Amino acid sequence: MALAAALWGTDGLLRLPLADELAAGTVVFWEHLLVVVVLLPLLPSALRALARCGPREWLAVLVIGGGASALATALFTAAFQLGDPVTPLVLQKLQPLFAVFAAWLLLGERIRPGFVLFAVPALAGAWLLAFADPFDVQVAAVRAALLALGAAALWAAGTVLGRLVSARLRWRDVTVLRFTVGLPVAAVIVAVRGDDVTVGWDNAVGLGLLALVPGLLALSLYYVGLSATPAARATPGRARLPRDGRAHRRLRAR
């Protein structure tokens, strides 16, 4: 989990130059396309594993791929294009707040009473970070903040649902299905936004590194750790929950 988080630290460095030259939908489409090409030999076994699951797992995979992978990444990339690139990078660290709530709601993981003592200052700090003058909020700043927060919420949902499906699917299958489902959704985003699909060779190296390092490699390591870790602990920021959480016992028992 720690190594995956470290690799995700390279995301902003690789994404910012691409966001300056390419549309958000274009970057996300190529991220998914490159990873799907690499993982294509593993797709048949992943689809067979999904076919043995029930509707709950199918829906979770759709949300993970379409929401947490394609749409969240598009929102995050678009946030870079609206102003200060540091703001979306830091605001997406609110992901643990969303993940803790979703883990409690969907998985029954219990929240420590003292969690609110950390959540409230985090929200206040996010407000101060997003707006240079907290009492004079500009529309452009609101848009960038909402895009970053939307991405954080979707990524948190992906973490929780990834923990849910890990009881029935191997980490490798979850990784393959995430990018495979995300690719057509990314194509729809490109079509709706009217973005150009073609990219120049000068962006090829950046897109390749973005797709394979903070994309495929980091996410694969993350799903390996997530298969044996409560969702709220696994989200970046490591929200602390008790080891005897009900959902943790249920999933381990399977």
C-alpha atoms as a PDB file:
ATOM      1  CA  MET A   1       0.000   0.000   0.000  1.00  0.00           C
ATOM      2  CA  ALA A   2       2.799   2.423   0.880  1.00  0.00           C
ATOM      3  CA  LEU A   3       4.657   1.698  -2.345  1.00  0.00           C
ATOM      4  CA  ALA A   4       1.483   2.254  -4.368  1.00  0.00           C
ATOM      5  CA  ALA A   5       0.946   5.595  -2.612  1.00  0.00           C
ATOM      6  CA  ALA A   6       4.543   6.581  -3.371  1.00  0.00           C
ATOM      7  CA  LEU A   7       4.066   5.787  -7.061  1.00  0.00           C
ATOM      8  CA  TRP A   8       0.861   7.835  -7.106  1.00  0.00           C
ATOM      9  CA  GLY A   9       3.015  10.750  -6.007  1.00  0.00           C
ATOM     10  CA  THR A  10       4.397  10.878  -9.555  1.00  0.00           C
ATOM     11  CA  ASP A  11       0.917  11.405 -11.022  1.00  0.00           C
ATOM     12  CA  GLY A  12       0.873  15.188 -10.724  1.00  0.00           C
ATOM     13  CA  LEU A  13       4.374  15.527 -12.158  1.00  0.00           C
ATOM     14  CA  LEU A  14       3.397  13.524 -15.231  1.00  0.00           C
ATOM     15  CA  ARG A  15      -0.168  14.808 -15.614  1.00  0.00           C
ATOM     16  CA  LEU A  16       0.464  18.552 -15.404  1.00  0.00           C
ATOM     17  CA  PRO A  17       2.523  18.874 -18.627  1.00  0.00           C
ATOM     18  CA  LEU A  18      -0.038  16.737 -20.478  1.00  0.00           C
ATOM     19  CA  ALA A  19      -2.950  18.764 -19.099  1.00  0.00           C
ATOM     20  CA  ASP A  20      -1.318  21.915 -20.477  1.00  0.00           C
ATOM     21  CA  GLU A  21      -1.243  20.493 -24.019  1.00  0.00           C
ATOM     22  CA  LEU A  22      -4.098  17.970 -24.260  1.00  0.00           C
ATOM     23  CA  ALA A  23      -7.779  17.943 -23.370  1.00  0.00           C
ATOM     24  CA  ALA A  24      -8.740  16.118 -20.172  1.00  0.00           C
ATOM     25  CA  GLY A  25     -10.740  13.496 -22.062  1.00  0.00           C
ATOM     26  CA  THR A  26      -7.848  12.799 -24.407  1.00  0.00           C
ATOM     27  CA  VAL A  27      -5.411  12.159 -21.561  1.00  0.00           C
ATOM     28  CA  VAL A  28      -7.814   9.808 -19.786  1.00  0.00           C
ATOM     29  CA  PHE A  29      -8.674   7.917 -22.985  1.00  0.00           C
ATOM     30  CA  TRP A  30      -5.027   7.214 -23.782  1.00  0.00           C
ATOM     31  CA  GLU A  31      -4.271   6.255 -20.182  1.00  0.00           C
ATOM     32  CA  HIS A  32      -6.911   3.556 -20.350  1.00  0.00           C
ATOM     33  CA  LEU A  33      -6.151   2.449 -23.896  1.00  0.00           C
ATOM     34  CA  LEU A  34      -2.459   1.862 -23.197  1.00  0.00           C
ATOM     35  CA  VAL A  35      -3.167  -0.132 -20.029  1.00  0.00           C
ATOM     36  CA  VAL A  36      -5.875  -2.224 -21.718  1.00  0.00           C
ATOM     37  CA  VAL A  37      -3.470  -3.109 -24.526  1.00  0.00           C
ATOM     38  CA  VAL A  38      -0.937  -4.330 -21.953  1.00  0.00           C
ATOM     39  CA  LEU A  39      -3.543  -6.307 -20.003  1.00  0.00           C
ATOM     40  CA  LEU A  40      -5.423  -7.716 -23.000  1.00  0.00           C
ATOM     41  CA  PRO A  41      -4.080 -11.304 -22.566  1.00  0.00           C
ATOM     42  CA  LEU A  42      -5.568 -11.362 -19.034  1.00  0.00           C
ATOM     43  CA  LEU A  43      -9.009 -10.116 -20.062  1.00  0.00           C
ATOM     44  CA  PRO A  44     -10.651 -13.521 -20.837  1.00  0.00           C
ATOM     45  CA  SER A  45      -9.878 -14.946 -17.391  1.00  0.00           C
ATOM     46  CA  ALA A  46     -11.066 -11.729 -15.722  1.00  0.00           C
ATOM     47  CA  LEU A  47     -14.370 -11.875 -17.611  1.00  0.00           C
ATOM     48  CA  ARG A  48     -14.852 -15.527 -16.626  1.00  0.00           C
ATOM     49  CA  ALA A  49     -14.234 -14.626 -12.989  1.00  0.00           C
ATOM     50  CA  LEU A  50     -16.764 -11.787 -13.200  1.00  0.00           C
ATOM     51  CA  ALA A  51     -19.326 -14.108 -14.816  1.00  0.00           C
ATOM     52  CA  ARG A  52     -19.208 -16.287 -11.689  1.00  0.00           C
ATOM     53  CA  CYS A  53     -20.144 -13.300  -9.514  1.00  0.00           C
ATOM     54  CA  GLY A  54     -23.555 -11.837  -8.806  1.00  0.00           C
ATOM     55  CA  PRO A  55     -25.243  -8.547  -9.755  1.00  0.00           C
ATOM     56  CA  ARG A  56     -23.715  -6.743  -6.768  1.00  0.00           C
ATOM     57  CA  GLU A  57     -20.186  -7.396  -7.993  1.00  0.00           C
ATOM     58  CA  TRP A  58     -21.116  -6.522 -11.585  1.00  0.00           C
ATOM     59  CA  LEU A  59     -22.509  -3.162 -10.472  1.00  0.00           C
ATOM     60  CA  ALA A  60     -19.462  -2.519  -8.302  1.00  0.00           C
ATOM     61  CA  VAL A  61     -17.114  -3.214 -11.231  1.00  0.00           C
ATOM     62  CA  LEU A  62     -19.098  -0.827 -13.446  1.00  0.00           C
ATOM     63  CA  VAL A  63     -18.808   1.930 -10.850  1.00  0.00           C
ATOM     64  CA  ILE A  64     -15.110   1.215 -10.286  1.00  0.00           C
ATOM     65  CA  GLY A  65     -14.296   1.306 -13.993  1.00  0.00           C
ATOM     66  CA  GLY A  66     -16.678   3.976 -15.216  1.00  0.00           C
ATOM     67  CA  GLY A  67     -16.676   6.240 -12.163  1.00  0.00           C
ATOM     68  CA  ALA A  68     -13.514   5.745 -10.108  1.00  0.00           C
ATOM     69  CA  SER A  69     -11.277   5.148 -13.100  1.00  0.00           C
ATOM     70  CA  ALA A  70     -12.497   7.077 -16.153  1.00  0.00           C
ATOM     71  CA  LEU A  71     -14.743   9.852 -14.834  1.00  0.00           C
ATOM     72  CA  ALA A  72     -12.705  10.615 -11.695  1.00  0.00           C
ATOM     73  CA  THR A  73      -9.478  10.856 -13.688  1.00  0.00           C
ATOM     74  CA  ALA A  74     -11.149  13.152 -16.225  1.00  0.00           C
ATOM     75  CA  LEU A  75     -12.387  15.422 -13.429  1.00  0.00           C
ATOM     76  CA  PHE A  76      -8.947  15.485 -11.821  1.00  0.00           C
ATOM     77  CA  THR A  77      -7.225  16.294 -15.119  1.00  0.00           C
ATOM     78  CA  ALA A  78      -9.745  19.060 -15.860  1.00  0.00           C
ATOM     79  CA  ALA A  79      -9.071  20.586 -12.422  1.00  0.00           C
ATOM     80  CA  PHE A  80      -5.433  21.099 -13.441  1.00  0.00           C
ATOM     81  CA  GLN A  81      -6.565  23.169 -16.412  1.00  0.00           C
ATOM     82  CA  LEU A  82      -8.528  25.711 -14.360  1.00  0.00           C
ATOM     83  CA  GLY A  83      -5.820  27.268 -12.237  1.00  0.00           C
ATOM     84  CA  ASP A  84      -3.294  26.444  -9.549  1.00  0.00           C
ATOM     85  CA  PRO A  85      -2.157  22.813 -10.012  1.00  0.00           C
ATOM     86  CA  VAL A  86      -1.313  22.423  -6.322  1.00  0.00           C
ATOM     87  CA  THR A  87      -4.943  22.852  -5.249  1.00  0.00           C
ATOM     88  CA  PRO A  88      -6.373  19.717  -6.924  1.00  0.00           C
ATOM     89  CA  LEU A  89      -3.382  17.685  -5.757  1.00  0.00           C
ATOM     90  CA  VAL A  90      -4.038  18.593  -2.134  1.00  0.00           C
ATOM     91  CA  LEU A  91      -7.840  18.599  -2.269  1.00  0.00           C
ATOM     92  CA  GLN A  92      -7.886  15.029  -3.515  1.00  0.00           C
ATOM     93  CA  LYS A  93      -6.291  14.119  -0.169  1.00  0.00           C
ATOM     94  CA  LEU A  94      -9.790  14.541   1.272  1.00  0.00           C
ATOM     95  CA  GLN A  95     -10.427  11.116  -0.212  1.00  0.00           C
ATOM     96  CA  PRO A  96     -10.139   9.441   3.244  1.00  0.00           C
ATOM     97  CA  LEU A  97     -13.130  11.415   4.524  1.00  0.00           C
ATOM     98  CA  PHE A  98     -15.296  10.128   1.693  1.00  0.00           C
ATOM     99  CA  ALA A  99     -13.878   6.617   2.004  1.00  0.00           C
ATOM    100  CA  VAL A 100     -14.511   6.347   5.743  1.00  0.00           C
ATOM    101  CA  PHE A 101     -18.143   7.360   5.293  1.00  0.00           C
ATOM    102  CA  ALA A 102     -18.615   4.997   2.314  1.00  0.00           C
ATOM    103  CA  ALA A 103     -16.937   2.122   4.177  1.00  0.00           C
ATOM    104  CA  TRP A 104     -19.285   2.662   7.101  1.00  0.00           C
ATOM    105  CA  LEU A 105     -22.310   2.866   4.806  1.00  0.00           C
ATOM    106  CA  LEU A 106     -21.527  -0.016   2.433  1.00  0.00           C
ATOM    107  CA  LEU A 107     -19.242  -2.345   4.378  1.00  0.00           C
ATOM    108  CA  GLY A 108     -20.225  -1.748   7.983  1.00  0.00           C
ATOM    109  CA  GLU A 109     -16.727  -0.645   9.023  1.00  0.00           C
ATOM    110  CA  ARG A 110     -17.033   1.272  12.267  1.00  0.00           C
ATOM    111  CA  ILE A 111     -15.712   4.798  12.713  1.00  0.00           C
ATOM    112  CA  ARG A 112     -13.880   5.809  15.860  1.00  0.00           C
ATOM    113  CA  PRO A 113     -15.691   8.592  17.768  1.00  0.00           C
ATOM    114  CA  GLY A 114     -12.629  10.829  17.587  1.00  0.00           C
ATOM    115  CA  PHE A 115     -12.666  10.823  13.792  1.00  0.00           C
ATOM    116  CA  VAL A 116     -14.730  14.030  13.686  1.00  0.00           C
ATOM    117  CA  LEU A 117     -11.907  15.841  15.520  1.00  0.00           C
ATOM    118  CA  PHE A 118      -9.753  15.279  12.464  1.00  0.00           C
ATOM    119  CA  ALA A 119     -12.471  15.598   9.807  1.00  0.00           C
ATOM    120  CA  VAL A 120     -13.608  19.116  10.735  1.00  0.00           C
ATOM    121  CA  PRO A 121     -10.102  20.712  10.621  1.00  0.00           C
ATOM    122  CA  ALA A 122      -9.456  18.890   7.344  1.00  0.00           C
ATOM    123  CA  LEU A 123     -12.585  20.382   5.785  1.00  0.00           C
ATOM    124  CA  ALA A 124     -11.724  23.845   7.105  1.00  0.00           C
ATOM    125  CA  GLY A 125      -8.196  23.531   5.737  1.00  0.00           C
ATOM    126  CA  ALA A 126      -9.546  22.452   2.358  1.00  0.00           C
ATOM    127  CA  TRP A 127     -11.719  25.586   2.207  1.00  0.00           C
ATOM    128  CA  LEU A 128      -8.768  27.831   3.031  1.00  0.00           C
ATOM    129  CA  LEU A 129      -6.589  26.074   0.475  1.00  0.00           C
ATOM    130  CA  ALA A 130      -9.106  26.182  -2.346  1.00  0.00           C
ATOM    131  CA  PHE A 131      -9.901  29.892  -2.029  1.00  0.00           C
ATOM    132  CA  ALA A 132      -7.246  32.587  -1.711  1.00  0.00           C
ATOM    133  CA  ASP A 133      -9.802  34.814   0.034  1.00  0.00           C
ATOM    134  CA  PRO A 134     -12.155  32.500   1.970  1.00  0.00           C
ATOM    135  CA  PHE A 135     -14.752  35.294   2.181  1.00  0.00           C
ATOM    136  CA  ASP A 136     -14.587  36.239  -1.500  1.00  0.00           C
ATOM    137  CA  VAL A 137     -15.002  33.000  -3.453  1.00  0.00           C
ATOM    138  CA  GLN A 138     -14.467  33.182  -7.210  1.00  0.00           C
ATOM    139  CA  VAL A 139     -16.434  31.018  -9.655  1.00  0.00           C
ATOM    140  CA  ALA A 140     -13.301  29.621 -11.314  1.00  0.00           C
ATOM    141  CA  ALA A 141     -11.922  28.541  -7.931  1.00  0.00           C
ATOM    142  CA  VAL A 142     -15.218  26.857  -7.068  1.00  0.00           C
ATOM    143  CA  ARG A 143     -15.192  24.909 -10.337  1.00  0.00           C
ATOM    144  CA  ALA A 144     -11.627  23.681  -9.823  1.00  0.00           C
ATOM    145  CA  ALA A 145     -12.357  22.687  -6.217  1.00  0.00           C
ATOM    146  CA  LEU A 146     -15.550  20.837  -7.137  1.00  0.00           C
ATOM    147  CA  LEU A 147     -13.762  18.936  -9.904  1.00  0.00           C
ATOM    148  CA  ALA A 148     -11.015  17.852  -7.498  1.00  0.00           C
ATOM    149  CA  LEU A 149     -13.494  16.918  -4.776  1.00  0.00           C
ATOM    150  CA  GLY A 150     -15.630  14.991  -7.272  1.00  0.00           C
ATOM    151  CA  ALA A 151     -12.567  12.992  -8.273  1.00  0.00           C
ATOM    152  CA  ALA A 152     -11.720  12.339  -4.610  1.00  0.00           C
ATOM    153  CA  ALA A 153     -15.254  11.115  -3.880  1.00  0.00           C
ATOM    154  CA  LEU A 154     -15.249   8.766  -6.871  1.00  0.00           C
ATOM    155  CA  TRP A 155     -11.803   7.404  -5.996  1.00  0.00           C
ATOM    156  CA  ALA A 156     -13.005   6.787  -2.446  1.00  0.00           C
ATOM    157  CA  ALA A 157     -16.004   4.896  -3.803  1.00  0.00           C
ATOM    158  CA  GLY A 158     -13.622   2.868  -5.957  1.00  0.00           C
ATOM    159  CA  THR A 159     -11.585   1.942  -2.884  1.00  0.00           C
ATOM    160  CA  VAL A 160     -14.608   0.777  -0.930  1.00  0.00           C
ATOM    161  CA  LEU A 161     -16.124  -1.141  -3.835  1.00  0.00           C
ATOM    162  CA  GLY A 162     -12.729  -2.638  -4.648  1.00  0.00           C
ATOM    163  CA  ARG A 163     -12.633  -3.998  -1.113  1.00  0.00           C
ATOM    164  CA  LEU A 164     -16.129  -5.376  -1.603  1.00  0.00           C
ATOM    165  CA  VAL A 165     -15.351  -7.256  -4.830  1.00  0.00           C
ATOM    166  CA  SER A 166     -11.986  -8.490  -3.529  1.00  0.00           C
ATOM    167  CA  ALA A 167     -13.924 -11.158  -1.635  1.00  0.00           C
ATOM    168  CA  ARG A 168     -14.901 -12.722  -4.983  1.00  0.00           C
ATOM    169  CA  LEU A 169     -12.290 -11.487  -7.472  1.00  0.00           C
ATOM    170  CA  ARG A 170      -8.510 -11.658  -7.481  1.00  0.00           C
ATOM    171  CA  TRP A 171      -6.592  -8.368  -7.435  1.00  0.00           C
ATOM    172  CA  ARG A 172      -5.415  -9.073 -10.979  1.00  0.00           C
ATOM    173  CA  ASP A 173      -8.971  -9.449 -12.255  1.00  0.00           C
ATOM    174  CA  VAL A 174     -10.116  -6.253 -10.518  1.00  0.00           C
ATOM    175  CA  THR A 175      -7.263  -4.324 -12.146  1.00  0.00           C
ATOM    176  CA  VAL A 176      -8.055  -5.684 -15.613  1.00  0.00           C
ATOM    177  CA  LEU A 177     -11.782  -5.042 -15.287  1.00  0.00           C
ATOM    178  CA  ARG A 178     -11.271  -1.526 -13.936  1.00  0.00           C
ATOM    179  CA  PHE A 179      -9.364  -0.346 -16.998  1.00  0.00           C
ATOM    180  CA  THR A 180     -11.410  -2.396 -19.455  1.00  0.00           C
ATOM    181  CA  VAL A 181     -14.692  -0.937 -18.228  1.00  0.00           C
ATOM    182  CA  GLY A 182     -13.132   2.498 -17.972  1.00  0.00           C
ATOM    183  CA  LEU A 183     -11.981   2.564 -21.608  1.00  0.00           C
ATOM    184  CA  PRO A 184     -15.437   2.825 -23.280  1.00  0.00           C
ATOM    185  CA  VAL A 185     -16.502   5.343 -20.637  1.00  0.00           C
ATOM    186  CA  ALA A 186     -13.392   7.388 -21.432  1.00  0.00           C
ATOM    187  CA  ALA A 187     -14.319   7.185 -25.129  1.00  0.00           C
ATOM    188  CA  VAL A 188     -17.796   8.518 -24.318  1.00  0.00           C
ATOM    189  CA  ILE A 189     -16.245  11.391 -22.344  1.00  0.00           C
ATOM    190  CA  VAL A 190     -14.093  12.280 -25.354  1.00  0.00           C
ATOM    191  CA  ALA A 191     -17.120  12.187 -27.667  1.00  0.00           C
ATOM    192  CA  VAL A 192     -19.344  14.257 -25.365  1.00  0.00           C
ATOM    193  CA  ARG A 193     -16.675  16.886 -24.797  1.00  0.00           C
ATOM    194  CA  GLY A 194     -15.652  16.936 -28.446  1.00  0.00           C
ATOM    195  CA  ASP A 195     -12.011  16.323 -27.548  1.00  0.00           C
ATOM    196  CA  ASP A 196      -9.455  15.291 -30.142  1.00  0.00           C
ATOM    197  CA  VAL A 197      -8.376  11.648 -29.833  1.00  0.00           C
ATOM    198  CA  THR A 198      -5.111  12.061 -31.718  1.00  0.00           C
ATOM    199  CA  VAL A 199      -1.931  13.040 -29.889  1.00  0.00           C
ATOM    200  CA  GLY A 200       1.555  13.928 -31.062  1.00  0.00           C
ATOM    201  CA  TRP A 201       4.680  11.884 -30.541  1.00  0.00           C
ATOM    202  CA  ASP A 202       5.988  14.564 -28.197  1.00  0.00           C
ATOM    203  CA  ASN A 203       3.344  13.453 -25.661  1.00  0.00           C
ATOM    204  CA  ALA A 204       3.833   9.716 -26.166  1.00  0.00           C
ATOM    205  CA  VAL A 205       6.455   9.226 -23.441  1.00  0.00           C
ATOM    206  CA  GLY A 206       4.472  11.199 -20.873  1.00  0.00           C
ATOM    207  CA  LEU A 207       1.264   9.317 -21.630  1.00  0.00           C
ATOM    208  CA  GLY A 208       3.064   5.980 -21.455  1.00  0.00           C
ATOM    209  CA  LEU A 209       4.651   6.754 -18.090  1.00  0.00           C
ATOM    210  CA  LEU A 210       1.374   8.117 -16.718  1.00  0.00           C
ATOM    211  CA  ALA A 211      -0.525   5.008 -17.776  1.00  0.00           C
ATOM    212  CA  LEU A 212       2.016   2.462 -16.570  1.00  0.00           C
ATOM    213  CA  VAL A 213       3.531   3.934 -13.385  1.00  0.00           C
ATOM    214  CA  PRO A 214       0.852   5.759 -11.323  1.00  0.00           C
ATOM    215  CA  GLY A 215      -1.722   3.904 -13.395  1.00  0.00           C
ATOM    216  CA  LEU A 216      -1.140   0.196 -13.886  1.00  0.00           C
ATOM    217  CA  LEU A 217       1.757  -0.491 -11.513  1.00  0.00           C
ATOM    218  CA  ALA A 218       0.513   1.570  -8.575  1.00  0.00           C
ATOM    219  CA  LEU A 219      -3.052   0.342  -8.886  1.00  0.00           C
ATOM    220  CA  SER A 220      -1.981  -3.305  -9.110  1.00  0.00           C
ATOM    221  CA  LEU A 221       0.038  -2.976  -5.901  1.00  0.00           C
ATOM    222  CA  TYR A 222      -2.871  -1.177  -4.289  1.00  0.00           C
ATOM    223  CA  TYR A 223      -5.352  -3.947  -5.063  1.00  0.00           C
ATOM    224  CA  VAL A 224      -2.917  -6.541  -3.705  1.00  0.00           C
ATOM    225  CA  GLY A 225      -2.892  -4.699  -0.381  1.00  0.00           C
ATOM    226  CA  LEU A 226      -6.606  -3.905  -0.481  1.00  0.00           C
ATOM    227  CA  SER A 227      -7.531  -7.582  -0.603  1.00  0.00           C
ATOM    228  CA  ALA A 228      -6.466  -7.917   3.056  1.00  0.00           C
ATOM    229  CA  THR A 229      -7.007  -4.376   4.366  1.00  0.00           C
ATOM    230  CA  PRO A 230     -10.188  -2.600   5.535  1.00  0.00           C
ATOM    231  CA  ALA A 231     -11.241   0.015   2.984  1.00  0.00           C
ATOM    232  CA  ALA A 232     -10.979   3.003   5.312  1.00  0.00           C
ATOM    233  CA  ARG A 233      -7.418   2.080   6.252  1.00  0.00           C
ATOM    234  CA  ALA A 234      -6.445   1.460   2.647  1.00  0.00           C
ATOM    235  CA  THR A 235      -7.426   4.889   1.356  1.00  0.00           C
ATOM    236  CA  PRO A 236      -4.569   7.424   1.177  1.00  0.00           C
ATOM    237  CA  GLY A 237      -4.392   9.122   4.548  1.00  0.00           C
ATOM    238  CA  ARG A 238      -4.874   5.900   6.542  1.00  0.00           C
ATOM    239  CA  ALA A 239      -8.018   6.645   8.546  1.00  0.00           C
ATOM    240  CA  ARG A 240      -7.816   4.475  11.653  1.00  0.00           C
ATOM    241  CA  LEU A 241     -10.605   1.997  12.342  1.00  0.00           C
ATOM    242  CA  PRO A 242     -10.757  -0.807  14.913  1.00  0.00           C
ATOM    243  CA  ARG A 243      -9.399  -4.164  13.840  1.00  0.00           C
ATOM    244  CA  ASP A 244     -12.589  -5.943  14.791  1.00  0.00           C
ATOM    245  CA  GLY A 245     -14.799  -4.082  12.262  1.00  0.00           C
ATOM    246  CA  ARG A 246     -17.829  -6.130  11.244  1.00  0.00           C
ATOM    247  CA  ALA A 247     -17.190  -5.917   7.505  1.00  0.00           C
ATOM    248  CA  HIS A 248     -13.542  -6.918   7.969  1.00  0.00           C
ATOM    249  CA  ARG A 249     -14.604 -10.069   9.814  1.00  0.00           C
ATOM    250  CA  ARG A 250     -17.258 -10.888   7.193  1.00  0.00           C
ATOM    251  CA  LEU A 251     -14.913 -10.488   4.226  1.00  0.00           C
ATOM    252  CA  ARG A 252     -12.100 -12.424   5.851  1.00  0.00           C
ATOM    253  CA  ALA A 253     -14.535 -15.241   6.679  1.00  0.00           C
ATOM    254  CA  ARG A 254     -15.348 -15.696   2.996  1.00  0.00           C
END
